[in-house]
Protein backbone atom coordinates (compact mmCIF):
# COMPACT_ATOMS: atom_id res chain seq x y z
CA MET A 1 -73.52 -118.55 -50.74
CA ILE A 2 -75.26 -121.82 -51.56
CA LYS A 3 -73.42 -125.03 -50.83
CA GLY A 4 -74.55 -128.60 -51.37
CA LEU A 5 -73.04 -132.03 -50.78
CA ASN A 6 -72.58 -134.70 -53.38
CA PHE A 7 -72.73 -138.43 -52.66
CA ARG A 8 -69.03 -138.51 -51.63
CA GLY A 9 -69.42 -135.82 -49.02
CA GLN A 10 -67.73 -133.15 -51.14
CA GLU A 11 -69.05 -129.61 -51.01
CA LYS A 12 -70.24 -127.97 -54.19
CA TYR A 13 -69.46 -124.29 -54.59
CA LYS A 14 -70.42 -122.46 -57.80
CA GLY A 15 -70.70 -125.71 -59.75
CA VAL A 16 -67.33 -127.10 -58.62
CA TYR A 17 -66.99 -129.91 -56.10
CA ILE A 18 -64.42 -129.28 -53.40
CA ASP A 19 -63.11 -132.15 -51.31
CA GLU A 20 -62.19 -130.70 -47.92
CA LYS A 21 -60.62 -133.94 -46.69
CA GLU A 22 -57.69 -133.85 -49.15
CA PRO A 23 -55.23 -131.01 -49.89
CA ASP A 24 -56.32 -128.71 -52.67
CA SER A 25 -54.79 -130.38 -55.71
CA PHE A 26 -55.46 -127.32 -57.86
CA CYS A 27 -53.18 -125.16 -55.70
CA LEU A 28 -50.55 -127.89 -55.80
CA LEU A 29 -50.80 -128.05 -59.59
CA LEU A 30 -50.45 -124.27 -59.84
CA LEU A 31 -47.40 -124.35 -57.58
CA LEU A 32 -45.76 -127.05 -59.71
CA LEU A 33 -46.54 -125.15 -62.90
CA ALA A 34 -45.04 -121.94 -61.52
CA ALA A 35 -41.93 -123.78 -60.35
CA SER A 36 -41.43 -125.49 -63.72
CA THR A 37 -41.68 -122.22 -65.65
CA ALA A 38 -39.18 -120.59 -63.29
CA ILE A 39 -36.69 -123.38 -63.99
CA TYR A 40 -36.90 -122.85 -67.77
CA ALA A 41 -37.00 -119.04 -67.69
CA LEU A 42 -34.24 -117.32 -69.68
CA THR A 43 -31.93 -114.79 -68.11
CA ALA A 44 -31.48 -111.38 -69.72
CA GLU A 45 -28.05 -112.41 -71.01
CA GLU A 46 -29.49 -115.56 -72.63
CA ILE A 47 -32.20 -113.52 -74.36
CA ILE A 48 -29.63 -111.05 -75.74
CA GLU A 49 -27.38 -113.90 -76.90
CA LYS A 50 -30.29 -115.58 -78.73
CA ARG A 51 -31.19 -112.28 -80.41
CA ASP A 52 -27.57 -111.71 -81.45
CA ASN A 53 -27.35 -115.22 -82.90
CA ASN A 54 -30.51 -114.62 -84.97
CA GLU A 55 -29.64 -111.08 -86.08
CA TYR A 56 -27.85 -112.14 -89.24
CA ILE A 57 -28.81 -114.87 -91.64
CA GLU A 58 -26.25 -117.38 -92.86
CA THR A 59 -27.64 -117.62 -96.40
CA ALA A 60 -30.72 -116.41 -98.22
CA ARG A 61 -32.37 -116.54 -101.63
CA ALA A 62 -34.90 -113.88 -102.60
CA GLU A 63 -37.02 -113.22 -105.67
CA MET A 64 -37.91 -109.53 -105.88
CA GLU A 65 -39.86 -107.10 -108.01
CA MET A 66 -39.00 -103.39 -108.23
CA ILE A 67 -41.52 -100.93 -109.68
CA ILE A 68 -40.06 -97.62 -110.89
CA ARG A 69 -42.56 -94.84 -111.57
CA SER A 70 -41.58 -91.63 -113.33
CA GLY A 71 -44.54 -89.46 -114.28
CA ARG A 72 -46.88 -91.69 -116.30
CA ARG A 73 -44.16 -94.17 -117.11
CA GLU A 74 -43.76 -97.36 -115.09
CA MET A 75 -40.93 -99.89 -115.33
CA ILE A 76 -40.98 -103.26 -113.62
CA LYS A 77 -37.66 -104.94 -112.84
CA THR A 78 -37.52 -108.47 -111.46
CA MET A 79 -34.48 -110.06 -109.90
CA VAL A 80 -33.13 -113.01 -107.95
CA SER A 81 -30.62 -112.48 -105.16
CA LEU A 82 -28.38 -114.97 -103.35
CA THR A 83 -26.77 -113.73 -100.15
CA ASP A 84 -24.55 -114.86 -97.32
CA ARG A 85 -22.93 -112.86 -94.50
CA GLU A 86 -20.24 -111.27 -96.70
CA ASN A 87 -21.23 -111.75 -100.33
CA SER A 88 -24.25 -111.36 -102.56
CA LEU A 89 -25.14 -111.96 -106.19
CA THR A 90 -28.15 -110.25 -107.77
CA GLU A 91 -29.33 -111.11 -111.28
CA PHE A 92 -32.08 -109.26 -113.15
CA THR A 93 -34.67 -111.57 -114.71
CA ASN A 94 -37.00 -109.14 -116.51
CA PRO A 95 -36.72 -109.37 -120.35
CA ARG A 96 -35.03 -105.98 -120.94
CA ASP A 97 -32.33 -106.42 -118.26
CA ARG A 98 -32.06 -110.23 -118.27
CA GLY A 99 -28.48 -111.32 -117.61
CA THR A 100 -27.38 -108.14 -115.82
CA LYS A 101 -25.70 -109.16 -112.57
CA PHE A 102 -24.26 -107.42 -109.53
CA LEU A 103 -21.67 -109.16 -107.38
CA LYS A 104 -20.80 -107.84 -103.92
CA ARG A 105 -17.81 -109.34 -102.11
CA GLY A 106 -17.14 -107.67 -98.77
CA ASP A 107 -17.10 -103.92 -99.52
CA GLU A 108 -16.44 -104.31 -103.25
CA LEU A 109 -19.20 -104.15 -105.86
CA TRP A 110 -18.94 -105.36 -109.48
C-alpha cells in the first residue's frame, strides 16, 4: 500500500485524498442518502393502492388495424375506438366498412 501526503497534510490512497483530521464526509453523505430514501419508501399497501388506481384507464382513444388472412386472401380493416370505464364506441374507417359502428354500454352491445 503506497501512501503519500499532499500539501495540506492529507493522505493519498489509490488516487483519493483522505483528510484524517475531519470526519469522513463520504460516510456521512451515504448515511444521509440512506435515511432520505427510507423516509420516502412506499409501504406494500401503498404500492398495491397505486397499482389498483392505475389498473383501469378513465378514457382512451385508439386507432387500430386488423388483418384477416384466409388462405391467400387478406382483408385489412381499420377502426377508431373511444373508450371509458363502462362504455365504448368503435367505428370502422376502411372504405368497404366505413360507417359501421359498435356501441357497448355496460354489458349491452349494439
